Amino acid sequence: MKKQFKKLIKLLLITCLSLTSFLTPSANAADTVNGSQIFDVHCAGCHINGGNIIRRGKTLKKKALKKYGMDSLEAISSIVTNGKNNMSAYKDRLTPEQIQDVAAYVLEQSEKDWR
């Protein structure tokens, strides 16, 4: 009986710890509200509503991001950081956290079709 009680306590403790880790946001979790503000200041001039005024086919819409292999936080963060072709690099203007936030915002908006 005592052995079973100890096993039950261990199981409950493990379950509680597991649930806590899933329900607690990561310290590295991107802040899409901040990402929205950064986007409005640094990106919306060319990418208003997820479009692209420079290269019309290279939008921030879900279909285009997927087509060009840019449909992940890592890919978007990389292009924001380093730039590519007509896209300026922002590594000297934004912190890594700000870049993660704006990348998360872009991905979130692409899932919502920028509505």
N, C-alpha and C. Protein backbone atom coordinates (compact mmCIF):
# COMPACT_ATOMS: atom_id res chain seq x y z
N MET A 1 0.83 -1.20 0.00
CA MET A 1 0.00 0.00 0.00
C MET A 1 0.87 1.26 0.00
N LYS A 2 1.89 1.28 0.86
CA LYS A 2 2.77 2.44 0.96
C LYS A 2 3.53 2.64 -0.36
N LYS A 3 3.94 1.53 -0.99
CA LYS A 3 4.67 1.57 -2.25
C LYS A 3 3.79 2.16 -3.36
N GLN A 4 2.53 1.75 -3.38
CA GLN A 4 1.60 2.25 -4.38
C GLN A 4 1.35 3.75 -4.19
N PHE A 5 1.28 4.17 -2.94
CA PHE A 5 1.08 5.58 -2.64
C PHE A 5 2.26 6.42 -3.15
N LYS A 6 3.47 5.94 -2.95
CA LYS A 6 4.66 6.64 -3.43
C LYS A 6 4.66 6.74 -4.95
N LYS A 7 4.27 5.65 -5.62
CA LYS A 7 4.19 5.66 -7.08
C LYS A 7 3.16 6.68 -7.56
N LEU A 8 2.03 6.72 -6.86
CA LEU A 8 0.97 7.66 -7.22
C LEU A 8 1.45 9.10 -7.05
N ILE A 9 2.13 9.38 -5.96
CA ILE A 9 2.67 10.72 -5.72
C ILE A 9 3.67 11.10 -6.81
N LYS A 10 4.56 10.18 -7.16
CA LYS A 10 5.54 10.45 -8.22
C LYS A 10 4.85 10.74 -9.54
N LEU A 11 3.84 9.94 -9.86
CA LEU A 11 3.10 10.12 -11.10
C LEU A 11 2.40 11.48 -11.13
N LEU A 12 1.78 11.86 -10.02
CA LEU A 12 1.12 13.16 -9.94
C LEU A 12 2.13 14.31 -10.07
N LEU A 13 3.27 14.17 -9.44
CA LEU A 13 4.30 15.20 -9.51
C LEU A 13 4.82 15.36 -10.94
N ILE A 14 5.09 14.25 -11.59
CA ILE A 14 5.56 14.30 -12.98
C ILE A 14 4.50 14.93 -13.89
N THR A 15 3.25 14.55 -13.68
CA THR A 15 2.15 15.11 -14.48
C THR A 15 2.05 16.61 -14.28
N CYS A 16 2.10 17.06 -13.04
CA CYS A 16 2.02 18.50 -12.75
C CYS A 16 3.17 19.27 -13.38
N LEU A 17 4.37 18.74 -13.26
CA LEU A 17 5.53 19.40 -13.85
C LEU A 17 5.43 19.46 -15.37
N SER A 18 4.94 18.40 -15.96
CA SER A 18 4.78 18.37 -17.42
C SER A 18 3.76 19.40 -17.87
N LEU A 19 2.63 19.46 -17.19
CA LEU A 19 1.60 20.43 -17.55
C LEU A 19 2.08 21.85 -17.37
N THR A 20 2.81 22.09 -16.31
CA THR A 20 3.34 23.43 -16.06
C THR A 20 4.26 23.87 -17.18
N SER A 21 5.09 22.99 -17.67
CA SER A 21 6.02 23.36 -18.74
C SER A 21 5.28 23.65 -20.04
N PHE A 22 4.15 22.99 -20.28
CA PHE A 22 3.38 23.26 -21.50
C PHE A 22 2.58 24.54 -21.39
N LEU A 23 2.11 24.86 -20.19
CA LEU A 23 1.25 26.01 -20.01
C LEU A 23 2.01 27.31 -19.78
N THR A 24 3.25 27.23 -19.40
CA THR A 24 4.05 28.42 -19.15
C THR A 24 4.75 28.84 -20.43
N PRO A 25 4.56 30.10 -20.87
CA PRO A 25 5.23 30.52 -22.09
C PRO A 25 6.75 30.49 -21.92
N SER A 26 7.41 30.12 -22.96
CA SER A 26 8.87 30.06 -22.96
C SER A 26 9.45 31.46 -22.80
N ALA A 27 10.60 31.54 -22.18
CA ALA A 27 11.27 32.83 -22.05
C ALA A 27 11.65 33.37 -23.42
N ASN A 28 11.79 32.48 -24.40
CA ASN A 28 12.15 32.89 -25.75
C ASN A 28 10.93 33.05 -26.65
N ALA A 29 9.73 32.93 -26.09
CA ALA A 29 8.52 33.04 -26.90
C ALA A 29 8.46 34.41 -27.57
N ALA A 30 8.16 34.40 -28.85
CA ALA A 30 8.11 35.65 -29.59
C ALA A 30 6.87 36.45 -29.19
N ASP A 31 7.00 37.74 -29.21
CA ASP A 31 5.94 38.67 -28.84
C ASP A 31 5.37 39.26 -30.13
N THR A 32 4.22 38.73 -30.57
CA THR A 32 3.66 39.18 -31.85
C THR A 32 3.07 40.59 -31.76
N VAL A 33 2.71 41.03 -30.56
CA VAL A 33 2.24 42.42 -30.42
C VAL A 33 3.40 43.36 -30.70
N ASN A 34 4.55 43.07 -30.11
CA ASN A 34 5.75 43.85 -30.40
C ASN A 34 6.13 43.70 -31.87
N GLY A 35 6.00 42.48 -32.40
CA GLY A 35 6.29 42.23 -33.81
C GLY A 35 5.44 43.08 -34.73
N SER A 36 4.19 43.27 -34.36
CA SER A 36 3.28 44.11 -35.15
C SER A 36 3.76 45.56 -35.18
N GLN A 37 4.19 46.05 -34.04
CA GLN A 37 4.69 47.43 -33.96
C GLN A 37 5.96 47.60 -34.78
N ILE A 38 6.86 46.63 -34.69
CA ILE A 38 8.10 46.67 -35.46
C ILE A 38 7.79 46.62 -36.95
N PHE A 39 6.86 45.73 -37.33
CA PHE A 39 6.46 45.60 -38.73
C PHE A 39 5.93 46.93 -39.26
N ASP A 40 5.07 47.58 -38.48
CA ASP A 40 4.49 48.86 -38.91
C ASP A 40 5.56 49.91 -39.17
N VAL A 41 6.61 49.92 -38.37
CA VAL A 41 7.67 50.92 -38.50
C VAL A 41 8.67 50.57 -39.60
N HIS A 42 9.09 49.30 -39.65
CA HIS A 42 10.21 48.92 -40.52
C HIS A 42 9.83 48.18 -41.79
N CYS A 43 8.65 47.59 -41.84
CA CYS A 43 8.34 46.68 -42.95
C CYS A 43 7.14 47.10 -43.80
N ALA A 44 6.17 47.75 -43.18
CA ALA A 44 4.91 48.04 -43.87
C ALA A 44 5.09 48.93 -45.09
N GLY A 45 6.16 49.71 -45.15
CA GLY A 45 6.39 50.56 -46.32
C GLY A 45 6.44 49.77 -47.61
N CYS A 46 7.02 48.58 -47.56
CA CYS A 46 7.11 47.71 -48.74
C CYS A 46 6.12 46.55 -48.68
N HIS A 47 5.73 46.16 -47.46
CA HIS A 47 4.93 44.95 -47.29
C HIS A 47 3.57 45.23 -46.66
N ILE A 48 2.92 46.32 -47.07
CA ILE A 48 1.62 46.67 -46.52
C ILE A 48 0.64 45.50 -46.72
N ASN A 49 -0.05 45.12 -45.67
CA ASN A 49 -1.01 44.01 -45.68
C ASN A 49 -0.43 42.71 -46.24
N GLY A 50 0.86 42.50 -46.03
CA GLY A 50 1.49 41.26 -46.48
C GLY A 50 1.86 41.24 -47.95
N GLY A 51 1.69 42.36 -48.62
CA GLY A 51 2.04 42.43 -50.04
C GLY A 51 3.52 42.71 -50.22
N ASN A 52 3.88 43.13 -51.43
CA ASN A 52 5.26 43.51 -51.73
C ASN A 52 5.22 44.50 -52.89
N ILE A 53 5.52 45.76 -52.62
CA ILE A 53 5.43 46.77 -53.67
C ILE A 53 6.64 46.74 -54.61
N ILE A 54 7.71 46.05 -54.23
CA ILE A 54 8.92 45.98 -55.05
C ILE A 54 8.85 44.77 -55.99
N ARG A 55 8.57 43.61 -55.43
CA ARG A 55 8.48 42.36 -56.21
C ARG A 55 7.14 41.71 -55.89
N ARG A 56 6.17 41.95 -56.73
CA ARG A 56 4.79 41.57 -56.44
C ARG A 56 4.58 40.10 -56.12
N GLY A 57 5.32 39.21 -56.71
CA GLY A 57 5.14 37.78 -56.45
C GLY A 57 5.72 37.33 -55.12
N LYS A 58 6.64 38.09 -54.57
CA LYS A 58 7.31 37.71 -53.31
C LYS A 58 6.62 38.39 -52.13
N THR A 59 5.38 38.01 -51.93
CA THR A 59 4.60 38.60 -50.84
C THR A 59 4.85 37.84 -49.54
N LEU A 60 4.18 38.28 -48.51
CA LEU A 60 4.25 37.61 -47.21
C LEU A 60 2.99 36.79 -46.97
N LYS A 61 2.29 36.47 -48.04
CA LYS A 61 1.11 35.61 -47.95
C LYS A 61 1.57 34.17 -47.78
N LYS A 62 0.74 33.36 -47.17
CA LYS A 62 1.09 31.98 -46.83
C LYS A 62 1.57 31.19 -48.06
N LYS A 63 0.85 31.31 -49.16
CA LYS A 63 1.18 30.56 -50.37
C LYS A 63 2.56 30.94 -50.90
N ALA A 64 2.86 32.23 -50.92
CA ALA A 64 4.17 32.70 -51.41
C ALA A 64 5.29 32.30 -50.46
N LEU A 65 5.05 32.43 -49.16
CA LEU A 65 6.08 32.04 -48.19
C LEU A 65 6.42 30.56 -48.35
N LYS A 66 5.40 29.74 -48.53
CA LYS A 66 5.62 28.30 -48.71
C LYS A 66 6.36 28.04 -50.02
N LYS A 67 5.94 28.70 -51.10
CA LYS A 67 6.56 28.51 -52.41
C LYS A 67 8.06 28.79 -52.38
N TYR A 68 8.46 29.82 -51.66
CA TYR A 68 9.86 30.23 -51.62
C TYR A 68 10.63 29.69 -50.41
N GLY A 69 10.02 28.75 -49.68
CA GLY A 69 10.69 28.14 -48.53
C GLY A 69 10.90 29.11 -47.38
N MET A 70 10.01 30.06 -47.25
CA MET A 70 10.12 31.08 -46.21
C MET A 70 9.03 30.94 -45.15
N ASP A 71 8.45 29.76 -45.03
CA ASP A 71 7.31 29.56 -44.15
C ASP A 71 7.69 29.00 -42.78
N SER A 72 8.78 29.53 -42.22
CA SER A 72 9.19 29.14 -40.87
C SER A 72 9.80 30.36 -40.17
N LEU A 73 9.80 30.32 -38.85
CA LEU A 73 10.41 31.42 -38.09
C LEU A 73 11.88 31.59 -38.45
N GLU A 74 12.57 30.46 -38.62
CA GLU A 74 14.00 30.50 -38.92
C GLU A 74 14.26 31.18 -40.27
N ALA A 75 13.48 30.81 -41.28
CA ALA A 75 13.68 31.36 -42.62
C ALA A 75 13.38 32.85 -42.66
N ILE A 76 12.27 33.24 -42.04
CA ILE A 76 11.90 34.66 -42.02
C ILE A 76 12.92 35.46 -41.22
N SER A 77 13.32 34.94 -40.07
CA SER A 77 14.33 35.62 -39.24
C SER A 77 15.63 35.80 -40.00
N SER A 78 16.01 34.79 -40.76
CA SER A 78 17.26 34.86 -41.52
C SER A 78 17.22 35.95 -42.58
N ILE A 79 16.13 36.04 -43.31
CA ILE A 79 16.06 37.06 -44.36
C ILE A 79 15.93 38.46 -43.76
N VAL A 80 15.23 38.58 -42.63
CA VAL A 80 15.15 39.89 -41.96
C VAL A 80 16.54 40.28 -41.46
N THR A 81 17.26 39.34 -40.91
CA THR A 81 18.59 39.60 -40.37
C THR A 81 19.59 39.96 -41.46
N ASN A 82 19.65 39.13 -42.49
CA ASN A 82 20.71 39.24 -43.50
C ASN A 82 20.30 39.89 -44.81
N GLY A 83 19.00 40.02 -45.05
CA GLY A 83 18.53 40.56 -46.31
C GLY A 83 18.79 39.61 -47.46
N LYS A 84 18.28 39.97 -48.64
CA LYS A 84 18.51 39.17 -49.85
C LYS A 84 17.96 39.97 -51.02
N ASN A 85 18.77 40.10 -52.06
CA ASN A 85 18.38 40.86 -53.25
C ASN A 85 17.89 42.26 -52.85
N ASN A 86 16.64 42.58 -53.14
CA ASN A 86 16.10 43.92 -52.83
C ASN A 86 15.71 44.09 -51.36
N MET A 87 15.69 43.00 -50.62
CA MET A 87 15.31 43.05 -49.20
C MET A 87 16.52 43.48 -48.37
N SER A 88 16.37 44.58 -47.66
CA SER A 88 17.45 45.10 -46.81
C SER A 88 17.68 44.20 -45.60
N ALA A 89 18.90 44.19 -45.11
CA ALA A 89 19.25 43.49 -43.86
C ALA A 89 18.93 44.40 -42.68
N TYR A 90 18.43 43.81 -41.61
CA TYR A 90 18.07 44.59 -40.43
C TYR A 90 18.90 44.22 -39.20
N LYS A 91 19.97 43.47 -39.38
CA LYS A 91 20.77 43.04 -38.22
C LYS A 91 21.41 44.20 -37.48
N ASP A 92 21.62 45.33 -38.16
CA ASP A 92 22.20 46.49 -37.50
C ASP A 92 21.15 47.45 -36.95
N ARG A 93 19.88 47.19 -37.26
CA ARG A 93 18.80 48.08 -36.82
C ARG A 93 17.89 47.46 -35.77
N LEU A 94 17.80 46.13 -35.78
CA LEU A 94 16.91 45.43 -34.84
C LEU A 94 17.71 44.42 -34.02
N THR A 95 17.27 44.20 -32.80
CA THR A 95 17.90 43.18 -31.95
C THR A 95 17.43 41.80 -32.42
N PRO A 96 18.14 40.75 -32.04
CA PRO A 96 17.68 39.40 -32.38
C PRO A 96 16.26 39.12 -31.86
N GLU A 97 15.92 39.65 -30.69
CA GLU A 97 14.58 39.45 -30.14
C GLU A 97 13.53 40.16 -30.98
N GLN A 98 13.84 41.38 -31.43
CA GLN A 98 12.91 42.11 -32.29
C GLN A 98 12.71 41.38 -33.62
N ILE A 99 13.77 40.82 -34.15
CA ILE A 99 13.68 40.07 -35.40
C ILE A 99 12.81 38.83 -35.20
N GLN A 100 12.97 38.14 -34.09
CA GLN A 100 12.11 36.98 -33.79
C GLN A 100 10.65 37.40 -33.66
N ASP A 101 10.42 38.54 -33.00
CA ASP A 101 9.06 39.03 -32.82
C ASP A 101 8.40 39.36 -34.16
N VAL A 102 9.12 40.05 -35.03
CA VAL A 102 8.53 40.42 -36.32
C VAL A 102 8.35 39.18 -37.20
N ALA A 103 9.26 38.22 -37.11
CA ALA A 103 9.11 36.97 -37.88
C ALA A 103 7.87 36.21 -37.41
N ALA A 104 7.67 36.15 -36.10
CA ALA A 104 6.49 35.47 -35.56
C ALA A 104 5.21 36.18 -35.99
N TYR A 105 5.25 37.51 -36.00
CA TYR A 105 4.09 38.29 -36.45
C TYR A 105 3.78 38.00 -37.92
N VAL A 106 4.80 37.99 -38.76
CA VAL A 106 4.60 37.72 -40.19
C VAL A 106 4.00 36.33 -40.38
N LEU A 107 4.53 35.35 -39.69
CA LEU A 107 4.02 33.98 -39.81
C LEU A 107 2.57 33.90 -39.31
N GLU A 108 2.29 34.55 -38.19
CA GLU A 108 0.94 34.57 -37.64
C GLU A 108 -0.03 35.21 -38.62
N GLN A 109 0.35 36.34 -39.19
CA GLN A 109 -0.52 37.04 -40.13
C GLN A 109 -0.72 36.24 -41.42
N SER A 110 0.32 35.56 -41.87
CA SER A 110 0.17 34.76 -43.09
C SER A 110 -0.86 33.65 -42.87
N GLU A 111 -0.90 33.10 -41.66
CA GLU A 111 -1.90 32.07 -41.33
C GLU A 111 -3.31 32.65 -41.35
N LYS A 112 -3.44 33.93 -41.05
CA LYS A 112 -4.74 34.61 -41.02
C LYS A 112 -5.04 35.30 -42.34
N ASP A 113 -4.20 35.10 -43.33
CA ASP A 113 -4.31 35.75 -44.64
C ASP A 113 -4.30 37.27 -44.51
N TRP A 114 -3.56 37.77 -43.52
CA TRP A 114 -3.36 39.21 -43.29
C TRP A 114 -4.69 39.95 -43.09
N ARG A 115 -5.63 39.31 -42.37
CA ARG A 115 -6.92 39.97 -42.10
C ARG A 115 -7.07 40.29 -40.66
